[in-house]
Amino acid sequence: MSRAELPRVWHDFQAGTEDGRLVLSIVGTQESLASLGLTLSEGLRLEFWCEDEDEHGVRDDLVAIGIVERDPIKGDWLARLEEPGVLHESDLPAA
């Protein structure tokens, strides 16, 4: 599935684990998932985004693709980011 076909879910990229996974229990992410009618499940591939601006104040959102997984110890829903991780949309290759 191409990036353009992935569900686009809001996420604050500062809400993560020490090993770089996204914590998906934060309110904004839960609201975004609910508005899209999505239920988290192992292996679900999503595009995450968060508002940002470039050095001139022009909107240039942060984006990353992640695979949903459940923490086997705590049971929390997390997402492991695919390479290259978090980028500005302006840094993405042209489609």
Protein backbone atom coordinates (compact mmCIF):
# COMPACT_ATOMS: atom_id res chain seq x y z
CA MET A 1 0.00 0.00 0.00
CA SER A 2 1.46 3.38 -0.99
CA ARG A 3 1.82 6.29 1.43
CA ALA A 4 -1.11 8.06 -0.27
CA GLU A 5 -3.39 5.10 0.47
CA LEU A 6 -2.57 4.83 4.18
CA PRO A 7 -4.95 6.17 6.83
CA ARG A 8 -3.54 9.49 8.09
CA VAL A 9 -3.64 9.73 11.89
CA TRP A 10 -2.66 12.75 13.97
CA HIS A 11 0.07 12.15 16.56
CA ASP A 12 2.27 14.30 18.80
CA PHE A 13 5.72 12.92 17.97
CA GLN A 14 6.97 13.89 21.42
CA ALA A 15 4.81 11.10 22.90
CA GLY A 16 7.13 8.16 22.45
CA THR A 17 9.05 5.45 24.21
CA GLU A 18 12.78 5.43 24.93
CA ASP A 19 13.31 3.11 21.96
CA GLY A 20 11.54 5.49 19.56
CA ARG A 21 8.11 3.87 19.27
CA LEU A 22 5.02 6.09 19.29
CA VAL A 23 2.61 5.78 22.22
CA LEU A 24 -0.86 5.64 20.67
CA SER A 25 -2.93 6.16 23.84
CA ILE A 26 -2.67 9.96 23.84
CA VAL A 27 -5.95 11.84 23.53
CA GLY A 28 -5.32 13.51 20.16
CA THR A 29 -4.31 10.25 18.51
CA GLN A 30 -7.32 8.44 19.99
CA GLU A 31 -9.62 11.21 18.68
CA SER A 32 -8.03 10.99 15.23
CA LEU A 33 -8.45 7.20 15.15
CA ALA A 34 -12.10 7.51 16.24
CA SER A 35 -12.85 10.15 13.59
CA LEU A 36 -11.48 7.76 10.94
CA GLY A 37 -13.41 4.80 12.37
CA LEU A 38 -10.18 2.88 12.96
CA THR A 39 -9.54 0.22 15.59
CA LEU A 40 -5.92 -0.56 16.41
CA SER A 41 -4.66 -4.04 15.58
CA GLU A 42 -1.26 -5.71 15.31
CA GLY A 43 0.42 -5.00 12.00
CA LEU A 44 -1.83 -2.09 10.99
CA ARG A 45 0.22 0.33 8.86
CA LEU A 46 -0.58 4.02 9.33
CA GLU A 47 0.78 7.40 8.35
CA PHE A 48 1.17 9.68 11.37
CA TRP A 49 1.31 13.45 11.07
CA CYS A 50 1.65 16.54 13.24
CA GLU A 51 1.45 20.21 12.40
CA ASP A 52 4.77 22.02 11.94
CA GLU A 53 6.23 24.98 10.09
CA ASP A 54 9.43 25.69 8.22
CA GLU A 55 11.85 28.45 9.19
CA HIS A 56 9.68 31.00 7.34
CA GLY A 57 6.47 30.10 9.13
CA VAL A 58 5.05 28.16 6.17
CA ARG A 59 3.17 25.01 7.15
CA ASP A 60 5.30 21.90 6.61
CA ASP A 61 3.83 19.01 8.60
CA LEU A 62 5.88 16.25 10.19
CA VAL A 63 5.02 12.78 8.86
CA ALA A 64 6.08 9.18 9.47
CA ILE A 65 4.82 5.71 8.65
CA GLY A 66 4.49 3.24 11.48
CA ILE A 67 3.36 -0.32 12.13
CA VAL A 68 1.05 -0.84 15.11
CA GLU A 69 2.11 -3.32 17.77
CA ARG A 70 1.04 -4.18 21.29
CA ASP A 71 3.56 -3.99 24.12
CA PRO A 72 3.74 -7.59 25.39
CA ILE A 73 4.35 -6.50 29.00
CA LYS A 74 2.17 -3.42 29.52
CA GLY A 75 -0.40 -4.10 26.80
CA ASP A 76 -0.10 -0.53 25.44
CA TRP A 77 -0.64 0.15 21.75
CA LEU A 78 2.54 1.46 20.11
CA ALA A 79 3.80 2.10 16.60
CA ARG A 80 7.27 1.25 15.36
CA LEU A 81 8.37 3.76 12.73
CA GLU A 82 9.61 2.67 9.34
CA GLU A 83 12.79 4.18 7.90
CA PRO A 84 13.52 7.03 7.41
CA GLY A 85 11.47 7.96 10.50
CA VAL A 86 9.96 11.41 10.98
CA LEU A 87 10.35 13.85 8.08
CA HIS A 88 8.84 17.12 6.97
CA GLU A 89 6.40 16.67 4.10
CA SER A 90 8.63 18.90 1.97
CA ASP A 91 11.43 16.31 2.38
CA LEU A 92 9.35 13.46 0.94
CA PRO A 93 10.18 12.29 -2.58
CA ALA A 94 7.77 13.52 -5.22
CA ALA A 95 5.03 11.01 -5.99
